[in-house]
Protein backbone atom coordinates (compact mmCIF):
# COMPACT_ATOMS: atom_id res chain seq x y z
CA MET A 1 105.89 98.91 105.23
CA SER A 2 105.52 101.64 102.65
CA LEU A 3 107.89 102.38 99.81
CA SER A 4 108.68 105.79 101.33
CA ASN A 5 109.72 104.11 104.58
CA ASP A 6 111.90 101.64 102.65
CA ILE A 7 113.62 104.47 100.77
CA ALA A 8 114.19 106.43 104.00
CA ARG A 9 115.56 103.33 105.76
CA ILE A 10 117.98 102.62 102.90
CA LEU A 11 119.22 106.22 102.88
CA MET A 12 119.64 106.19 106.67
CA GLU A 13 121.69 102.98 106.42
CA MET A 14 123.86 104.63 103.78
CA LEU A 15 124.42 107.60 106.12
CA GLU A 16 125.44 105.44 109.09
CA ASN A 17 129.07 104.92 108.06
CA ASN A 18 130.38 108.48 107.83
CA GLY A 19 127.33 110.75 107.96
CA THR A 20 127.28 111.41 104.24
CA THR A 21 126.15 109.55 101.15
CA GLU A 22 126.03 110.22 97.44
CA ILE A 23 123.43 108.56 95.27
CA GLN A 24 122.35 108.52 91.67
CA ARG A 25 118.64 109.14 91.95
CA ASN A 26 117.75 107.16 88.81
CA GLU A 27 119.86 104.15 89.83
CA LEU A 28 118.31 104.02 93.30
CA ALA A 29 114.82 104.37 91.84
CA GLN A 30 115.48 101.57 89.36
CA SER A 31 116.85 99.24 92.05
CA LEU A 32 113.74 99.85 94.17
CA GLY A 33 111.30 99.66 91.27
CA CYS A 34 109.95 103.16 91.72
CA VAL A 35 110.06 106.48 89.91
CA PRO A 36 112.79 109.06 90.66
CA SER A 37 110.19 111.52 91.93
CA GLN A 38 109.48 109.11 94.81
CA ILE A 39 113.14 109.42 95.83
CA ASN A 40 112.82 113.22 95.63
CA TYR A 41 109.71 113.14 97.82
CA VAL A 42 111.42 111.13 100.56
CA ILE A 43 114.50 113.33 100.53
CA SER A 44 112.51 116.57 100.58
CA SER A 45 110.24 115.40 103.40
CA ARG A 46 112.59 113.40 105.63
CA PHE A 47 116.07 114.81 105.05
CA THR A 48 115.49 118.50 105.69
CA PRO A 49 117.67 121.15 107.36
CA GLU A 50 115.40 121.22 110.41
CA GLN A 51 115.96 117.48 110.75
CA GLY A 52 119.71 118.01 110.60
CA TYR A 53 120.59 117.29 106.96
CA ILE A 54 122.17 119.20 104.10
CA VAL A 55 121.09 118.04 100.66
CA GLU A 56 122.99 118.99 97.52
CA SER A 57 121.77 118.01 94.09
CA ARG A 58 122.93 118.30 90.53
CA ARG A 59 120.79 117.86 87.47
CA GLY A 60 121.87 115.60 84.66
CA GLY A 61 123.91 112.45 84.90
CA GLY A 62 121.09 110.52 86.52
CA GLY A 63 120.28 113.04 89.21
CA TYR A 64 123.25 113.01 91.59
CA ILE A 65 122.25 113.76 95.19
CA LYS A 66 124.53 114.16 98.21
CA ILE A 67 123.03 113.95 101.70
CA THR A 68 125.07 114.99 104.73
CA ARG A 69 124.08 114.68 108.37
CA VAL A 70 125.06 117.86 110.21
CA ASN A 71 127.17 116.91 113.22
CA LEU A 72 127.71 119.91 115.44
CA ASP A 73 128.57 120.24 119.11
CA ARG A 74 125.72 121.18 121.45
CA PRO A 75 126.18 124.99 121.46
CA SER A 76 126.76 125.09 117.70
CA LEU A 77 123.70 122.94 116.98
CA ILE A 78 121.51 125.17 119.14
CA MET A 79 122.82 128.34 117.47
CA HIS A 80 122.49 126.75 114.01
CA THR A 81 118.85 126.07 114.85
CA VAL A 82 118.28 129.60 116.15
CA ASN A 83 119.76 131.06 112.96
CA TYR A 84 117.73 128.71 110.76
CA ILE A 85 114.37 129.59 112.35
CA GLY A 86 114.02 133.05 110.82
CA ASP A 87 111.15 135.43 111.56
CA ALA A 88 108.34 132.86 111.58
CA ILE A 89 107.92 129.12 112.07
CA ASP A 90 104.89 126.84 111.92
CA PHE A 91 104.39 124.26 114.66
CA ALA A 92 105.26 121.25 112.47
CA THR A 93 108.65 122.77 111.63
CA CYS A 94 109.13 123.86 115.23
CA HIS A 95 108.42 120.29 116.37
CA ALA A 96 110.90 118.86 113.85
CA ASN A 97 113.60 121.27 115.05
CA VAL A 98 113.03 120.42 118.71
CA MET A 99 113.03 116.67 117.99
CA ASN A 100 116.31 117.05 116.08
CA LEU A 101 117.84 118.87 119.05
CA LEU A 102 116.59 116.15 121.40
CA HIS A 103 117.81 113.33 119.13
CA ASN A 104 121.28 114.92 118.98
CA GLY A 105 121.50 115.51 122.73
CA ALA A 106 121.42 119.31 122.50
CA VAL A 107 118.35 119.51 124.76
CA THR A 108 116.97 117.20 127.42
CA ALA A 109 113.61 115.46 127.15
CA GLN A 110 112.23 117.84 129.78
CA SER A 111 113.48 120.89 127.88
CA ALA A 112 111.98 119.53 124.66
CA LYS A 113 108.59 119.14 126.37
CA LEU A 114 108.77 122.71 127.66
CA LEU A 115 109.80 124.07 124.26
CA LEU A 116 106.88 122.30 122.58
CA ALA A 117 104.41 123.36 125.27
CA ALA A 118 105.46 127.02 125.02
CA THR A 119 105.28 127.05 121.21
CA GLY A 120 102.29 124.76 120.70
CA GLU A 121 98.93 125.67 119.26
CA ASN A 122 97.25 125.62 122.70
CA ALA A 123 99.70 128.17 124.08
CA LEU A 124 99.23 130.50 121.11
CA LYS A 125 95.55 129.89 120.29
CA ASN A 126 94.42 133.36 121.39
CA LEU A 127 96.76 135.10 118.95
CA PRO A 128 95.60 136.07 115.46
CA ALA A 129 96.72 133.52 112.87
CA PRO A 130 99.03 135.89 110.94
CA VAL A 131 100.96 136.69 114.13
CA ARG A 132 101.12 133.19 115.63
CA ASP A 133 104.09 131.87 113.63
CA ARG A 134 106.14 135.03 114.28
CA ILE A 135 105.51 134.85 118.03
CA ARG A 136 106.30 131.11 118.00
CA ALA A 137 109.64 131.81 116.29
CA SER A 138 110.50 134.50 118.82
CA ILE A 139 109.62 132.30 121.80
CA LEU A 140 111.54 129.32 120.42
CA LYS A 141 114.64 131.38 119.66
CA GLN A 142 114.68 133.05 123.08
CA MET A 143 114.19 129.75 124.91
CA LEU A 144 116.96 128.08 122.89
CA ILE A 145 119.35 130.96 123.56
CA SER A 146 118.55 130.64 127.27
CA ILE A 147 119.20 126.87 127.17
CA GLN A 148 122.45 127.42 125.29
CA LYS A 149 123.69 129.90 127.90
CA GLY A 150 122.93 127.36 130.63
C-alpha cells in the first residue's frame, strides 16, 4: 500500500466520528515519517469539493488543516453540485461529482451510468475541444436538475 493511501485512510478514519477533523499537518507528517507536502498532496487530490469535502487551512502553527465532509440532503446535494459545476467541467471532475452523488445516495447507479454516458468523451468526441467541457457542464447540470425535480 502506498503512503498516499495510508494518509487518505487515516484521514478518512478521523472523519468517521463526526464528519470533521482538525489536524496539524507537521505533526501528522512526522508521525507518518513523511514530508508535510505529502499530506498537502493527499488532501488536495482526495478531499476536494467535488468529492464532498470542505478544506480550511491556516498557515503557521504547524499548518492547521480542518477537513469537513459535506452532509446535505438529496435535493441540496444535487443543487450544490449544479452550482459548483460552473460553465465548464472536464470529464475527470464530472466523474468525481457523479461518484460523490452516487456514494451519498443522491442518484441511483442507473442514473450515474446515464450521466457518465451522456457526458463522456465518446458522447462528445465530435465537438471541438474548446467547446467540449462547456457542453459537458451544460448537459450535466440539466440532467441533474431533471433528476432533482423527479
